[in-house]
Amino acid sequence: MKTAVPCYYHLDVEVSPERVGQVRRILAAHLRFWNLENLVEPVCSGAEMLLLAIDEHASDKNTSIEMWWNRQHLITAVGGNDQALRPDQDLRTCLQHLAANSDGWGCCATDTGAKVIWFSRRARAGERVPLVATDPEPITQEGLEVPREIMPVARAAGWARTSGGILEEAR
């Protein structure tokens, strides 16, 4: 059974037009594995747009993609190593798409000067109730009569009821 536990995934990739589709399928598979099928399309399309923009505008194509699921939000971050990439100019269309299709987003620089663009989506894991044995509930109807001292089938098979009411093999 899948439960809603915090999850993390990291992928390093050299971006190219051919790899963008592969990365989309990889991210979708992880989201389905985490039981977040309803986030596949918005998260994968946002990551795909970021990767295509990095492929088009960045000179360094090495990129890291990370996803964090904390039981309430899925945060996806795409980090490029190109220090010359300007998110406010080169990625304007992509950022507008992220702003429209996510609950929150942002951009920050790392210590090395690389850029990280992240976005989040609120979601709930599929609610699946585990199967647990329950105690029987009392019957509100009238019960059956107390069985006779020994059942005819048991008597024919050579069984007898003891003084404690337990069936034993007759001697």
C-alpha atoms as a PDB file:
ATOM      1  CA  MET A   1       0.000   0.000   0.000  1.00  0.00           C
ATOM      2  CA  LYS A   2       1.282   3.467  -0.824  1.00  0.00           C
ATOM      3  CA  THR A   3       1.187   5.955   1.999  1.00  0.00           C
ATOM      4  CA  ALA A   4       1.643   9.698   2.022  1.00  0.00           C
ATOM      5  CA  VAL A   5       5.210   9.867   3.259  1.00  0.00           C
ATOM      6  CA  PRO A   6       7.657  12.634   2.387  1.00  0.00           C
ATOM      7  CA  CYS A   7       9.500  11.829  -0.855  1.00  0.00           C
ATOM      8  CA  TYR A   8      12.480  13.265  -2.702  1.00  0.00           C
ATOM      9  CA  TYR A   9      13.819  12.741  -6.220  1.00  0.00           C
ATOM     10  CA  HIS A  10      16.910  14.199  -7.909  1.00  0.00           C
ATOM     11  CA  LEU A  11      17.926  13.964 -11.569  1.00  0.00           C
ATOM     12  CA  ASP A  12      20.983  15.430 -13.298  1.00  0.00           C
ATOM     13  CA  VAL A  13      20.652  15.744 -17.054  1.00  0.00           C
ATOM     14  CA  GLU A  14      22.347  17.451 -19.975  1.00  0.00           C
ATOM     15  CA  VAL A  15      19.441  19.181 -21.681  1.00  0.00           C
ATOM     16  CA  SER A  16      18.757  18.552 -25.346  1.00  0.00           C
ATOM     17  CA  PRO A  17      15.475  18.490 -27.280  1.00  0.00           C
ATOM     18  CA  GLU A  18      15.509  14.669 -27.270  1.00  0.00           C
ATOM     19  CA  ARG A  19      16.087  14.447 -23.512  1.00  0.00           C
ATOM     20  CA  VAL A  20      13.186  16.767 -22.589  1.00  0.00           C
ATOM     21  CA  GLY A  21      10.579  14.120 -23.472  1.00  0.00           C
ATOM     22  CA  GLN A  22      12.518  11.461 -21.573  1.00  0.00           C
ATOM     23  CA  VAL A  23      12.733  13.655 -18.482  1.00  0.00           C
ATOM     24  CA  ARG A  24       8.994  14.326 -18.687  1.00  0.00           C
ATOM     25  CA  ARG A  25       8.263  10.580 -18.691  1.00  0.00           C
ATOM     26  CA  ILE A  26      10.660  10.003 -15.766  1.00  0.00           C
ATOM     27  CA  LEU A  27       9.030  12.733 -13.665  1.00  0.00           C
ATOM     28  CA  ALA A  28       5.555  11.435 -14.542  1.00  0.00           C
ATOM     29  CA  ALA A  29       6.536   7.924 -13.453  1.00  0.00           C
ATOM     30  CA  HIS A  30       7.746   9.200 -10.080  1.00  0.00           C
ATOM     31  CA  LEU A  31       4.583  11.217  -9.532  1.00  0.00           C
ATOM     32  CA  ARG A  32       2.445   8.167 -10.312  1.00  0.00           C
ATOM     33  CA  PHE A  33       4.579   6.045  -7.978  1.00  0.00           C
ATOM     34  CA  TRP A  34       4.012   8.631  -5.225  1.00  0.00           C
ATOM     35  CA  ASN A  35       0.257   8.407  -5.940  1.00  0.00           C
ATOM     36  CA  LEU A  36       0.094  11.975  -7.276  1.00  0.00           C
ATOM     37  CA  GLU A  37      -1.487  11.272 -10.670  1.00  0.00           C
ATOM     38  CA  ASN A  38      -3.412  14.539 -10.584  1.00  0.00           C
ATOM     39  CA  LEU A  39      -0.124  16.515 -10.622  1.00  0.00           C
ATOM     40  CA  VAL A  40       1.472  14.786 -13.608  1.00  0.00           C
ATOM     41  CA  GLU A  41       0.297  17.250 -16.262  1.00  0.00           C
ATOM     42  CA  PRO A  42       0.927  20.578 -14.485  1.00  0.00           C
ATOM     43  CA  VAL A  43       4.285  19.554 -13.015  1.00  0.00           C
ATOM     44  CA  CYS A  44       5.603  17.891 -16.148  1.00  0.00           C
ATOM     45  CA  SER A  45       4.516  20.736 -18.416  1.00  0.00           C
ATOM     46  CA  GLY A  46       6.186  23.291 -16.123  1.00  0.00           C
ATOM     47  CA  ALA A  47       9.417  21.309 -15.963  1.00  0.00           C
ATOM     48  CA  GLU A  48       9.294  20.731 -19.718  1.00  0.00           C
ATOM     49  CA  MET A  49       8.935  24.456 -20.417  1.00  0.00           C
ATOM     50  CA  LEU A  50      11.878  25.245 -18.136  1.00  0.00           C
ATOM     51  CA  LEU A  51      14.063  22.614 -19.793  1.00  0.00           C
ATOM     52  CA  LEU A  52      13.187  23.828 -23.291  1.00  0.00           C
ATOM     53  CA  ALA A  53      13.973  27.421 -22.256  1.00  0.00           C
ATOM     54  CA  ILE A  54      17.303  26.332 -20.785  1.00  0.00           C
ATOM     55  CA  ASP A  55      18.077  24.426 -23.971  1.00  0.00           C
ATOM     56  CA  GLU A  56      17.301  27.506 -26.052  1.00  0.00           C
ATOM     57  CA  HIS A  57      18.988  30.218 -23.964  1.00  0.00           C
ATOM     58  CA  ALA A  58      21.732  28.653 -21.825  1.00  0.00           C
ATOM     59  CA  SER A  59      25.268  27.936 -22.934  1.00  0.00           C
ATOM     60  CA  ASP A  60      25.808  25.324 -20.188  1.00  0.00           C
ATOM     61  CA  LYS A  61      23.167  22.617 -20.666  1.00  0.00           C
ATOM     62  CA  ASN A  62      23.885  20.663 -17.449  1.00  0.00           C
ATOM     63  CA  THR A  63      20.767  20.880 -15.326  1.00  0.00           C
ATOM     64  CA  SER A  64      19.507  19.411 -12.048  1.00  0.00           C
ATOM     65  CA  ILE A  65      15.853  18.641 -11.426  1.00  0.00           C
ATOM     66  CA  GLU A  66      14.531  17.964  -7.942  1.00  0.00           C
ATOM     67  CA  MET A  67      11.095  17.135  -6.600  1.00  0.00           C
ATOM     68  CA  TRP A  68      10.043  17.196  -2.941  1.00  0.00           C
ATOM     69  CA  TRP A  69       6.710  15.859  -1.731  1.00  0.00           C
ATOM     70  CA  ASN A  70       5.952  16.809   1.889  1.00  0.00           C
ATOM     71  CA  ARG A  71       2.408  15.363   2.097  1.00  0.00           C
ATOM     72  CA  GLN A  72       0.822  18.704   1.197  1.00  0.00           C
ATOM     73  CA  HIS A  73       2.923  20.367  -1.493  1.00  0.00           C
ATOM     74  CA  LEU A  74       5.004  19.115  -4.351  1.00  0.00           C
ATOM     75  CA  ILE A  75       7.943  21.418  -4.990  1.00  0.00           C
ATOM     76  CA  THR A  76       9.787  21.070  -8.274  1.00  0.00           C
ATOM     77  CA  ALA A  77      13.110  22.849  -8.795  1.00  0.00           C
ATOM     78  CA  VAL A  78      15.133  23.137 -11.987  1.00  0.00           C
ATOM     79  CA  GLY A  79      18.656  24.419 -11.571  1.00  0.00           C
ATOM     80  CA  GLY A  80      20.919  25.430 -14.422  1.00  0.00           C
ATOM     81  CA  ASN A  81      24.674  25.980 -14.206  1.00  0.00           C
ATOM     82  CA  ASP A  82      24.774  28.861 -16.697  1.00  0.00           C
ATOM     83  CA  GLN A  83      25.747  32.041 -14.842  1.00  0.00           C
ATOM     84  CA  ALA A  84      24.843  34.256 -17.798  1.00  0.00           C
ATOM     85  CA  LEU A  85      21.231  33.053 -17.988  1.00  0.00           C
ATOM     86  CA  ARG A  86      18.828  35.838 -16.962  1.00  0.00           C
ATOM     87  CA  PRO A  87      15.451  34.468 -15.798  1.00  0.00           C
ATOM     88  CA  ASP A  88      13.804  37.890 -16.017  1.00  0.00           C
ATOM     89  CA  GLN A  89      14.665  38.272 -19.718  1.00  0.00           C
ATOM     90  CA  ASP A  90      15.416  34.883 -21.240  1.00  0.00           C
ATOM     91  CA  LEU A  91      12.732  32.908 -19.390  1.00  0.00           C
ATOM     92  CA  ARG A  92       9.915  35.461 -19.212  1.00  0.00           C
ATOM     93  CA  THR A  93       7.313  33.369 -21.088  1.00  0.00           C
ATOM     94  CA  CYS A  94       8.166  30.278 -19.086  1.00  0.00           C
ATOM     95  CA  LEU A  95       7.895  32.143 -15.771  1.00  0.00           C
ATOM     96  CA  GLN A  96       4.516  33.565 -16.756  1.00  0.00           C
ATOM     97  CA  HIS A  97       3.304  30.022 -17.418  1.00  0.00           C
ATOM     98  CA  LEU A  98       4.633  28.858 -14.020  1.00  0.00           C
ATOM     99  CA  ALA A  99       2.960  31.764 -12.234  1.00  0.00           C
ATOM    100  CA  ALA A 100      -0.377  30.960 -13.871  1.00  0.00           C
ATOM    101  CA  ASN A 101      -0.252  27.200 -13.243  1.00  0.00           C
ATOM    102  CA  SER A 102       1.305  26.856  -9.792  1.00  0.00           C
ATOM    103  CA  ASP A 103       0.521  27.791  -6.225  1.00  0.00           C
ATOM    104  CA  GLY A 104       3.895  29.458  -5.769  1.00  0.00           C
ATOM    105  CA  TRP A 105       7.155  29.909  -7.607  1.00  0.00           C
ATOM    106  CA  GLY A 106      10.478  31.640  -7.262  1.00  0.00           C
ATOM    107  CA  CYS A 107      14.019  32.016  -8.520  1.00  0.00           C
ATOM    108  CA  CYS A 108      17.242  32.146  -6.572  1.00  0.00           C
ATOM    109  CA  ALA A 109      20.982  31.999  -7.195  1.00  0.00           C
ATOM    110  CA  THR A 110      23.310  29.426  -5.690  1.00  0.00           C
ATOM    111  CA  ASP A 111      26.766  30.059  -4.220  1.00  0.00           C
ATOM    112  CA  THR A 112      28.324  29.200  -7.578  1.00  0.00           C
ATOM    113  CA  GLY A 113      26.157  31.707  -9.442  1.00  0.00           C
ATOM    114  CA  ALA A 114      23.831  29.117 -10.950  1.00  0.00           C
ATOM    115  CA  LYS A 115      20.092  29.819 -11.105  1.00  0.00           C
ATOM    116  CA  VAL A 116      17.375  27.681  -9.547  1.00  0.00           C
ATOM    117  CA  ILE A 117      13.737  28.127 -10.534  1.00  0.00           C
ATOM    118  CA  TRP A 118      11.174  26.342  -8.399  1.00  0.00           C
ATOM    119  CA  PHE A 119       7.406  26.025  -8.343  1.00  0.00           C
ATOM    120  CA  SER A 120       4.963  24.291  -6.032  1.00  0.00           C
ATOM    121  CA  ARG A 121       1.579  22.644  -6.327  1.00  0.00           C
ATOM    122  CA  ARG A 122      -0.714  21.778  -3.443  1.00  0.00           C
ATOM    123  CA  ALA A 123      -2.132  18.273  -3.509  1.00  0.00           C
ATOM    124  CA  ARG A 124      -3.332  15.414  -1.400  1.00  0.00           C
ATOM    125  CA  ALA A 125      -2.173  11.882  -1.812  1.00  0.00           C
ATOM    126  CA  GLY A 126      -4.863   9.458  -2.897  1.00  0.00           C
ATOM    127  CA  GLU A 127      -6.759   8.517   0.187  1.00  0.00           C
ATOM    128  CA  ARG A 128      -6.742   4.801   0.575  1.00  0.00           C
ATOM    129  CA  VAL A 129      -8.062   3.330   3.764  1.00  0.00           C
ATOM    130  CA  PRO A 130      -6.085   0.279   4.871  1.00  0.00           C
ATOM    131  CA  LEU A 131      -8.036  -2.897   5.342  1.00  0.00           C
ATOM    132  CA  VAL A 132      -8.190  -3.555   9.076  1.00  0.00           C
ATOM    133  CA  ALA A 133     -10.122  -6.297  10.777  1.00  0.00           C
ATOM    134  CA  THR A 134     -12.924  -4.849  12.857  1.00  0.00           C
ATOM    135  CA  ASP A 135     -14.618  -6.311  15.918  1.00  0.00           C
ATOM    136  CA  PRO A 136     -17.993  -7.833  15.170  1.00  0.00           C
ATOM    137  CA  GLU A 137     -20.899  -5.619  16.112  1.00  0.00           C
ATOM    138  CA  PRO A 138     -23.656  -6.972  18.345  1.00  0.00           C
ATOM    139  CA  ILE A 139     -26.716  -8.251  16.561  1.00  0.00           C
ATOM    140  CA  THR A 140     -29.840  -6.276  17.349  1.00  0.00           C
ATOM    141  CA  GLN A 141     -32.145  -9.075  16.227  1.00  0.00           C
ATOM    142  CA  GLU A 142     -33.194 -11.955  18.422  1.00  0.00           C
ATOM    143  CA  GLY A 143     -30.545 -14.635  18.453  1.00  0.00           C
ATOM    144  CA  LEU A 144     -30.979 -18.278  17.545  1.00  0.00           C
ATOM    145  CA  GLU A 145     -32.036 -20.788  20.142  1.00  0.00           C
ATOM    146  CA  VAL A 146     -29.338 -22.548  22.128  1.00  0.00           C
ATOM    147  CA  PRO A 147     -28.317 -25.706  20.271  1.00  0.00           C
ATOM    148  CA  ARG A 148     -29.409 -29.035  21.639  1.00  0.00           C
ATOM    149  CA  GLU A 149     -26.987 -30.867  23.860  1.00  0.00           C
ATOM    150  CA  ILE A 150     -25.451 -32.757  20.935  1.00  0.00           C
ATOM    151  CA  MET A 151     -26.054 -32.350  17.283  1.00  0.00           C
ATOM    152  CA  PRO A 152     -27.343 -35.433  15.445  1.00  0.00           C
ATOM    153  CA  VAL A 153     -24.472 -35.267  12.920  1.00  0.00           C
ATOM    154  CA  ALA A 154     -21.868 -35.131  15.700  1.00  0.00           C
ATOM    155  CA  ARG A 155     -23.489 -38.041  17.517  1.00  0.00           C
ATOM    156  CA  ALA A 156     -23.421 -40.117  14.322  1.00  0.00           C
ATOM    157  CA  ALA A 157     -19.721 -39.312  13.861  1.00  0.00           C
ATOM    158  CA  GLY A 158     -18.916 -40.492  17.376  1.00  0.00           C
ATOM    159  CA  TRP A 159     -18.649 -37.129  19.120  1.00  0.00           C
ATOM    160  CA  ALA A 160     -20.107 -36.222  22.533  1.00  0.00           C
ATOM    161  CA  ARG A 161     -20.423 -32.962  24.436  1.00  0.00           C
ATOM    162  CA  THR A 162     -18.487 -32.786  27.716  1.00  0.00           C
ATOM    163  CA  SER A 163     -19.781 -31.173  30.903  1.00  0.00           C
ATOM    164  CA  GLY A 164     -18.004 -27.955  29.816  1.00  0.00           C
ATOM    165  CA  GLY A 165     -19.938 -27.878  26.558  1.00  0.00           C
ATOM    166  CA  ILE A 166     -16.974 -28.856  24.339  1.00  0.00           C
ATOM    167  CA  LEU A 167     -17.342 -31.558  21.702  1.00  0.00           C
ATOM    168  CA  GLU A 168     -14.932 -34.471  22.148  1.00  0.00           C
ATOM    169  CA  GLU A 169     -14.596 -37.776  20.412  1.00  0.00           C
ATOM    170  CA  ALA A 170     -16.667 -40.374  22.242  1.00  0.00           C
ATOM    171  CA  ARG A 171     -14.742 -43.178  23.853  1.00  0.00           C
END
